[in-house]
Amino acid sequence: MSKLYLVPTPIGNLEDITFRALKVLKEVDYILAEDTRTSGKLLKHFDISTPMQSHHMHNEHKTVENIVKRIQAGEIFALISDAGTPAISDPGFLLTRACIQNNVEVECLPGATAFVPALVNSGLPNDKFVFEGFLPVKKGRQTRLKFLAEETRTMIFYESPHKLLKTLTNFSEYFGEDRLVSVSRELTKMFEETKRGTVKEVLSYYTEKPAKGEIVIIVDGKK
């Protein structure tokens, strides 16, 4: 049956891919990849020769309609991002929505998502949480931070290494320097690290030791 599979890929350690994900990637007609060069390394490692097609934030608006038509015509597609689960701060939502609107079956496989191990690893409450992804870079950033200052649930953010100090400084300004945070970077990789403490303590740590790699920040909610 023609359908769209959303297939999570490892966020670092290639051993984290599931047997089912490998089976699907081998059996579908086409793989939609955020970056075919990055995904090409993954497919080569697992000896997968399924044809790839580029599908990223800069072209997805133009390609969605055609992909839906191809699935309706009988082709089976798998969508992968560079790392983690598609549509979580990565392309995937637009195509998923279009498929659902056109009665095309969508199936998301379980698998790697960076914020889950970071959240569980933080030691902060995880019974209720809110995923914020990347904060606005400029426009809307201050407004969002003011709003989140009153959030009582644990908050999850993604951040790039060169913006980490700015974001932690913002947290100190809007949430207070004593708010508890946990910063996880390079999850599942050789130099994986999680630094826990107050905003002040973690900011001081990364001021002296600049961060590298992909970063997930977990912030305690307002008490």
C-alpha atoms as a PDB file:
ATOM      1  CA  MET A   1       0.000   0.000   0.000  1.00  0.00           C
ATOM      2  CA  SER A   2       1.355   3.418  -0.955  1.00  0.00           C
ATOM      3  CA  LYS A   3       2.110   5.630   2.021  1.00  0.00           C
ATOM      4  CA  LEU A   4       4.549   8.046   3.609  1.00  0.00           C
ATOM      5  CA  TYR A   5       6.857   6.725   6.316  1.00  0.00           C
ATOM      6  CA  LEU A   6       8.459   9.161   8.746  1.00  0.00           C
ATOM      7  CA  VAL A   7      11.688   7.462   9.779  1.00  0.00           C
ATOM      8  CA  PRO A   8      13.861   8.666  12.681  1.00  0.00           C
ATOM      9  CA  THR A   9      17.619   8.456  12.152  1.00  0.00           C
ATOM     10  CA  PRO A  10      20.408   8.439  14.772  1.00  0.00           C
ATOM     11  CA  ILE A  11      21.326  11.756  16.396  1.00  0.00           C
ATOM     12  CA  GLY A  12      24.933  10.616  16.606  1.00  0.00           C
ATOM     13  CA  ASN A  13      25.598   6.975  17.357  1.00  0.00           C
ATOM     14  CA  LEU A  14      24.667   4.927  14.292  1.00  0.00           C
ATOM     15  CA  GLU A  15      23.824   1.922  16.478  1.00  0.00           C
ATOM     16  CA  ASP A  16      20.704   3.772  17.637  1.00  0.00           C
ATOM     17  CA  ILE A  17      18.836   3.143  14.387  1.00  0.00           C
ATOM     18  CA  THR A  18      16.148   0.481  14.693  1.00  0.00           C
ATOM     19  CA  PHE A  19      15.881  -2.771  12.720  1.00  0.00           C
ATOM     20  CA  ARG A  20      12.478  -1.620  11.504  1.00  0.00           C
ATOM     21  CA  ALA A  21      13.841   1.702  10.263  1.00  0.00           C
ATOM     22  CA  LEU A  22      16.492  -0.117   8.230  1.00  0.00           C
ATOM     23  CA  LYS A  23      13.867  -2.471   6.781  1.00  0.00           C
ATOM     24  CA  VAL A  24      11.630   0.419   5.710  1.00  0.00           C
ATOM     25  CA  LEU A  25      14.494   2.404   4.184  1.00  0.00           C
ATOM     26  CA  LYS A  26      15.498  -0.632   2.122  1.00  0.00           C
ATOM     27  CA  GLU A  27      11.983  -1.423   0.924  1.00  0.00           C
ATOM     28  CA  VAL A  28      10.472   1.967   0.002  1.00  0.00           C
ATOM     29  CA  ASP A  29      10.669   3.346  -3.531  1.00  0.00           C
ATOM     30  CA  TYR A  30      12.264   6.657  -2.586  1.00  0.00           C
ATOM     31  CA  ILE A  31      13.844   8.348   0.423  1.00  0.00           C
ATOM     32  CA  LEU A  32      13.258  12.056   0.964  1.00  0.00           C
ATOM     33  CA  ALA A  33      16.356  13.432   2.695  1.00  0.00           C
ATOM     34  CA  GLU A  34      17.015  16.823   4.287  1.00  0.00           C
ATOM     35  CA  ASP A  35      20.627  16.697   3.068  1.00  0.00           C
ATOM     36  CA  THR A  36      21.422  13.902   0.625  1.00  0.00           C
ATOM     37  CA  ARG A  37      25.152  14.164   1.419  1.00  0.00           C
ATOM     38  CA  THR A  38      24.593  13.596   5.142  1.00  0.00           C
ATOM     39  CA  SER A  39      21.996  10.882   4.603  1.00  0.00           C
ATOM     40  CA  GLY A  40      24.173   9.307   1.931  1.00  0.00           C
ATOM     41  CA  LYS A  41      26.780   8.451   4.571  1.00  0.00           C
ATOM     42  CA  LEU A  42      24.117   6.779   6.730  1.00  0.00           C
ATOM     43  CA  LEU A  43      22.705   4.754   3.834  1.00  0.00           C
ATOM     44  CA  LYS A  44      26.165   3.712   2.674  1.00  0.00           C
ATOM     45  CA  HIS A  45      27.051   2.541   6.189  1.00  0.00           C
ATOM     46  CA  PHE A  46      24.026   0.229   6.231  1.00  0.00           C
ATOM     47  CA  ASP A  47      24.362  -0.774   2.565  1.00  0.00           C
ATOM     48  CA  ILE A  48      21.052   0.818   1.531  1.00  0.00           C
ATOM     49  CA  SER A  49      20.776   1.672  -2.166  1.00  0.00           C
ATOM     50  CA  THR A  50      17.278   3.187  -2.245  1.00  0.00           C
ATOM     51  CA  PRO A  51      17.174   6.333  -4.443  1.00  0.00           C
ATOM     52  CA  MET A  52      17.186   9.638  -2.557  1.00  0.00           C
ATOM     53  CA  GLN A  53      15.501  12.928  -3.304  1.00  0.00           C
ATOM     54  CA  SER A  54      16.266  16.266  -1.636  1.00  0.00           C
ATOM     55  CA  HIS A  55      13.502  17.568   0.652  1.00  0.00           C
ATOM     56  CA  HIS A  56      14.392  20.474   2.927  1.00  0.00           C
ATOM     57  CA  MET A  57      13.042  23.747   4.299  1.00  0.00           C
ATOM     58  CA  HIS A  58      14.051  25.681   1.183  1.00  0.00           C
ATOM     59  CA  ASN A  59      12.218  23.508  -1.348  1.00  0.00           C
ATOM     60  CA  GLU A  60       9.463  21.676   0.563  1.00  0.00           C
ATOM     61  CA  HIS A  61       6.789  24.266  -0.278  1.00  0.00           C
ATOM     62  CA  LYS A  62       7.389  23.575  -3.977  1.00  0.00           C
ATOM     63  CA  THR A  63       7.718  19.785  -3.839  1.00  0.00           C
ATOM     64  CA  VAL A  64       4.954  18.731  -1.434  1.00  0.00           C
ATOM     65  CA  GLU A  65       2.129  18.676  -3.995  1.00  0.00           C
ATOM     66  CA  ASN A  66       4.095  16.565  -6.464  1.00  0.00           C
ATOM     67  CA  ILE A  67       5.177  14.073  -3.782  1.00  0.00           C
ATOM     68  CA  VAL A  68       1.572  13.626  -2.612  1.00  0.00           C
ATOM     69  CA  LYS A  69       0.483  12.915  -6.191  1.00  0.00           C
ATOM     70  CA  ARG A  70       3.257  10.358  -6.619  1.00  0.00           C
ATOM     71  CA  ILE A  71       2.225   8.556  -3.429  1.00  0.00           C
ATOM     72  CA  GLN A  72      -1.396   8.574  -4.574  1.00  0.00           C
ATOM     73  CA  ALA A  73      -0.190   7.018  -7.833  1.00  0.00           C
ATOM     74  CA  GLY A  74       1.303   4.102  -5.924  1.00  0.00           C
ATOM     75  CA  GLU A  75       4.842   5.055  -4.895  1.00  0.00           C
ATOM     76  CA  ILE A  76       6.042   4.569  -1.315  1.00  0.00           C
ATOM     77  CA  PHE A  77       8.210   7.250   0.293  1.00  0.00           C
ATOM     78  CA  ALA A  78      10.244   7.482   3.487  1.00  0.00           C
ATOM     79  CA  LEU A  79      11.124  10.895   4.895  1.00  0.00           C
ATOM     80  CA  ILE A  80      14.265  11.320   6.986  1.00  0.00           C
ATOM     81  CA  SER A  81      16.020  14.354   8.437  1.00  0.00           C
ATOM     82  CA  ASP A  82      19.753  14.763   9.045  1.00  0.00           C
ATOM     83  CA  ALA A  83      19.297  13.436  12.574  1.00  0.00           C
ATOM     84  CA  GLY A  84      16.398  12.517  14.840  1.00  0.00           C
ATOM     85  CA  THR A  85      12.694  12.385  14.064  1.00  0.00           C
ATOM     86  CA  PRO A  86      11.374  14.306  11.020  1.00  0.00           C
ATOM     87  CA  ALA A  87       9.226  17.380  11.738  1.00  0.00           C
ATOM     88  CA  ILE A  88      10.770  17.973  15.192  1.00  0.00           C
ATOM     89  CA  SER A  89      12.598  21.242  14.425  1.00  0.00           C
ATOM     90  CA  ASP A  90      13.195  19.739  10.965  1.00  0.00           C
ATOM     91  CA  PRO A  91      11.231  19.470   7.694  1.00  0.00           C
ATOM     92  CA  GLY A  92       8.281  17.097   7.716  1.00  0.00           C
ATOM     93  CA  PHE A  93       5.204  18.915   8.986  1.00  0.00           C
ATOM     94  CA  LEU A  94       4.130  20.372   5.632  1.00  0.00           C
ATOM     95  CA  LEU A  95       4.326  17.039   3.822  1.00  0.00           C
ATOM     96  CA  THR A  96       2.621  15.159   6.659  1.00  0.00           C
ATOM     97  CA  ARG A  97      -0.231  17.666   6.723  1.00  0.00           C
ATOM     98  CA  ALA A  98      -0.628  17.561   2.948  1.00  0.00           C
ATOM     99  CA  CYS A  99      -0.767  13.759   2.967  1.00  0.00           C
ATOM    100  CA  ILE A 100      -3.413  13.715   5.696  1.00  0.00           C
ATOM    101  CA  GLN A 101      -5.484  16.331   3.879  1.00  0.00           C
ATOM    102  CA  ASN A 102      -5.376  14.163   0.753  1.00  0.00           C
ATOM    103  CA  ASN A 103      -6.206  10.902   2.548  1.00  0.00           C
ATOM    104  CA  VAL A 104      -2.695   9.533   2.068  1.00  0.00           C
ATOM    105  CA  GLU A 105      -1.621   7.153   4.817  1.00  0.00           C
ATOM    106  CA  VAL A 106       1.197   8.400   7.080  1.00  0.00           C
ATOM    107  CA  GLU A 107       3.117   6.201   9.495  1.00  0.00           C
ATOM    108  CA  CYS A 108       5.753   7.530  11.908  1.00  0.00           C
ATOM    109  CA  LEU A 109       8.227   5.014  13.267  1.00  0.00           C
ATOM    110  CA  PRO A 110       9.477   5.407  16.856  1.00  0.00           C
ATOM    111  CA  GLY A 111      13.111   6.304  17.258  1.00  0.00           C
ATOM    112  CA  ALA A 112      15.749   8.853  18.126  1.00  0.00           C
ATOM    113  CA  THR A 113      14.742  12.361  19.229  1.00  0.00           C
ATOM    114  CA  ALA A 114      17.371  14.499  20.953  1.00  0.00           C
ATOM    115  CA  PHE A 115      15.166  16.152  23.559  1.00  0.00           C
ATOM    116  CA  VAL A 116      13.949  12.899  25.173  1.00  0.00           C
ATOM    117  CA  PRO A 117      17.290  11.692  26.584  1.00  0.00           C
ATOM    118  CA  ALA A 118      18.214  15.290  27.479  1.00  0.00           C
ATOM    119  CA  LEU A 119      14.967  15.720  29.420  1.00  0.00           C
ATOM    120  CA  VAL A 120      15.184  12.409  31.258  1.00  0.00           C
ATOM    121  CA  ASN A 121      18.887  12.953  31.924  1.00  0.00           C
ATOM    122  CA  SER A 122      18.362  16.444  33.369  1.00  0.00           C
ATOM    123  CA  GLY A 123      16.924  15.366  36.703  1.00  0.00           C
ATOM    124  CA  LEU A 124      14.264  18.064  36.316  1.00  0.00           C
ATOM    125  CA  PRO A 125      10.529  17.252  36.451  1.00  0.00           C
ATOM    126  CA  ASN A 126       9.436  15.445  33.298  1.00  0.00           C
ATOM    127  CA  ASP A 127       5.828  14.566  34.077  1.00  0.00           C
ATOM    128  CA  LYS A 128       4.770  17.795  32.344  1.00  0.00           C
ATOM    129  CA  PHE A 129       6.912  19.728  29.881  1.00  0.00           C
ATOM    130  CA  VAL A 130       6.755  22.101  26.924  1.00  0.00           C
ATOM    131  CA  PHE A 131       8.926  21.842  23.813  1.00  0.00           C
ATOM    132  CA  GLU A 132      10.005  25.254  22.527  1.00  0.00           C
ATOM    133  CA  GLY A 133      12.619  24.211  19.977  1.00  0.00           C
ATOM    134  CA  PHE A 134      14.728  27.158  18.805  1.00  0.00           C
ATOM    135  CA  LEU A 135      13.926  30.580  20.246  1.00  0.00           C
ATOM    136  CA  PRO A 136      13.349  33.396  17.722  1.00  0.00           C
ATOM    137  CA  VAL A 137      16.719  34.880  16.768  1.00  0.00           C
ATOM    138  CA  LYS A 138      15.597  38.507  16.803  1.00  0.00           C
ATOM    139  CA  LYS A 139      11.968  39.440  16.213  1.00  0.00           C
ATOM    140  CA  GLY A 140       9.718  37.994  18.889  1.00  0.00           C
ATOM    141  CA  ARG A 141      12.531  36.721  21.110  1.00  0.00           C
ATOM    142  CA  GLN A 142      11.935  39.171  23.970  1.00  0.00           C
ATOM    143  CA  THR A 143       8.174  38.642  23.824  1.00  0.00           C
ATOM    144  CA  ARG A 144       8.593  34.883  23.940  1.00  0.00           C
ATOM    145  CA  LEU A 145      10.995  35.005  26.873  1.00  0.00           C
ATOM    146  CA  LYS A 146       8.659  37.277  28.849  1.00  0.00           C
ATOM    147  CA  PHE A 147       5.823  34.825  28.240  1.00  0.00           C
ATOM    148  CA  LEU A 148       7.923  31.807  29.230  1.00  0.00           C
ATOM    149  CA  ALA A 149       9.056  33.486  32.437  1.00  0.00           C
ATOM    150  CA  GLU A 150       5.650  32.479  33.870  1.00  0.00           C
ATOM    151  CA  GLU A 151       5.731  28.898  32.534  1.00  0.00           C
ATOM    152  CA  THR A 152       5.473  26.358  35.358  1.00  0.00           C
ATOM    153  CA  ARG A 153       6.259  23.276  33.286  1.00  0.00           C
ATOM    154  CA  THR A 154       9.783  22.144  32.443  1.00  0.00           C
ATOM    155  CA  MET A 155      10.908  23.814  29.200  1.00  0.00           C
ATOM    156  CA  ILE A 156      12.948  22.300  26.373  1.00  0.00           C
ATOM    157  CA  PHE A 157      15.041  24.346  23.938  1.00  0.00           C
ATOM    158  CA  TYR A 158      17.373  23.562  21.051  1.00  0.00           C
ATOM    159  CA  GLU A 159      20.363  25.834  20.539  1.00  0.00           C
ATOM    160  CA  SER A 160      23.503  26.148  18.437  1.00  0.00           C
ATOM    161  CA  PRO A 161      26.869  26.344  20.217  1.00  0.00           C
ATOM    162  CA  HIS A 162      27.660  29.910  19.132  1.00  0.00           C
ATOM    163  CA  LYS A 163      24.367  31.186  20.580  1.00  0.00           C
ATOM    164  CA  LEU A 164      24.447  29.227  23.837  1.00  0.00           C
ATOM    165  CA  LEU A 165      25.951  32.014  25.963  1.00  0.00           C
ATOM    166  CA  LYS A 166      23.455  34.553  24.624  1.00  0.00           C
ATOM    167  CA  THR A 167      20.544  32.243  25.403  1.00  0.00           C
ATOM    168  CA  LEU A 168      21.788  31.436  28.914  1.00  0.00           C
ATOM    169  CA  THR A 169      22.276  35.162  29.535  1.00  0.00           C
ATOM    170  CA  ASN A 170      18.684  35.735  28.406  1.00  0.00           C
ATOM    171  CA  PHE A 171      17.506  33.022  30.807  1.00  0.00           C
ATOM    172  CA  SER A 172      19.344  34.759  33.631  1.00  0.00           C
ATOM    173  CA  GLU A 173      17.646  38.061  32.751  1.00  0.00           C
ATOM    174  CA  TYR A 174      14.110  36.709  32.321  1.00  0.00           C
ATOM    175  CA  PHE A 175      14.006  33.594  34.515  1.00  0.00           C
ATOM    176  CA  GLY A 176      16.563  34.546  37.168  1.00  0.00           C
ATOM    177  CA  GLU A 177      20.138  33.397  37.674  1.00  0.00           C
ATOM    178  CA  ASP A 178      19.095  30.799  40.258  1.00  0.00           C
ATOM    179  CA  ARG A 179      16.734  28.930  37.903  1.00  0.00           C
ATOM    180  CA  LEU A 180      17.862  25.314  37.450  1.00  0.00           C
ATOM    181  CA  VAL A 181      18.968  24.253  33.974  1.00  0.00           C
ATOM    182  CA  SER A 182      20.585  21.275  32.303  1.00  0.00           C
ATOM    183  CA  VAL A 183      22.613  21.586  29.094  1.00  0.00           C
ATOM    184  CA  SER A 184      23.229  18.410  27.091  1.00  0.00           C
ATOM    185  CA  ARG A 185      25.481  18.418  24.052  1.00  0.00           C
ATOM    186  CA  GLU A 186      26.781  15.833  21.594  1.00  0.00           C
ATOM    187  CA  LEU A 187      24.202  13.307  22.805  1.00  0.00           C
ATOM    188  CA  THR A 188      25.096   9.664  21.995  1.00  0.00           C
ATOM    189  CA  LYS A 189      28.510  10.757  20.641  1.00  0.00           C
ATOM    190  CA  MET A 190      32.029  10.257  21.984  1.00  0.00           C
ATOM    191  CA  PHE A 191      32.180  13.619  23.766  1.00  0.00           C
ATOM    192  CA  GLU A 192      28.643  13.614  25.164  1.00  0.00           C
ATOM    193  CA  GLU A 193      28.279  15.960  28.121  1.00  0.00           C
ATOM    194  CA  THR A 194      25.490  17.131  30.416  1.00  0.00           C
ATOM    195  CA  LYS A 195      26.089  20.139  32.674  1.00  0.00           C
ATOM    196  CA  ARG A 196      23.510  20.747  35.414  1.00  0.00           C
ATOM    197  CA  GLY A 197      23.115  23.618  37.871  1.00  0.00           C
ATOM    198  CA  THR A 198      21.733  27.118  38.166  1.00  0.00           C
ATOM    199  CA  VAL A 199      21.715  29.388  35.122  1.00  0.00           C
ATOM    200  CA  LYS A 200      24.564  31.341  36.748  1.00  0.00           C
ATOM    201  CA  GLU A 201      26.683  28.226  37.301  1.00  0.00           C
ATOM    202  CA  VAL A 202      26.124  26.773  33.831  1.00  0.00           C
ATOM    203  CA  LEU A 203      26.703  30.150  32.153  1.00  0.00           C
ATOM    204  CA  SER A 204      29.993  30.506  34.037  1.00  0.00           C
ATOM    205  CA  TYR A 205      31.032  26.992  32.990  1.00  0.00           C
ATOM    206  CA  TYR A 206      30.434  27.544  29.286  1.00  0.00           C
ATOM    207  CA  THR A 207      31.964  31.024  29.380  1.00  0.00           C
ATOM    208  CA  GLU A 208      35.229  29.356  30.394  1.00  0.00           C
ATOM    209  CA  LYS A 209      34.720  26.263  28.244  1.00  0.00           C
ATOM    210  CA  PRO A 210      33.014  27.159  24.920  1.00  0.00           C
ATOM    211  CA  ALA A 211      30.503  24.529  23.845  1.00  0.00           C
ATOM    212  CA  LYS A 212      30.682  22.494  20.658  1.00  0.00           C
ATOM    213  CA  GLY A 213      28.125  20.290  18.934  1.00  0.00           C
ATOM    214  CA  GLU A 214      24.340  20.043  18.993  1.00  0.00           C
ATOM    215  CA  ILE A 215      22.768  21.362  22.197  1.00  0.00           C
ATOM    216  CA  VAL A 216      19.546  20.722  24.140  1.00  0.00           C
ATOM    217  CA  ILE A 217      18.717  22.979  27.106  1.00  0.00           C
ATOM    218  CA  ILE A 218      16.265  21.876  29.776  1.00  0.00           C
ATOM    219  CA  VAL A 219      14.948  24.634  32.055  1.00  0.00           C
ATOM    220  CA  ASP A 220      13.012  24.169  35.290  1.00  0.00           C
ATOM    221  CA  GLY A 221       9.575  25.787  35.330  1.00  0.00           C
ATOM    222  CA  LYS A 222       8.624  28.664  37.582  1.00  0.00           C
ATOM    223  CA  LYS A 223       7.823  27.548  41.126  1.00  0.00           C
END
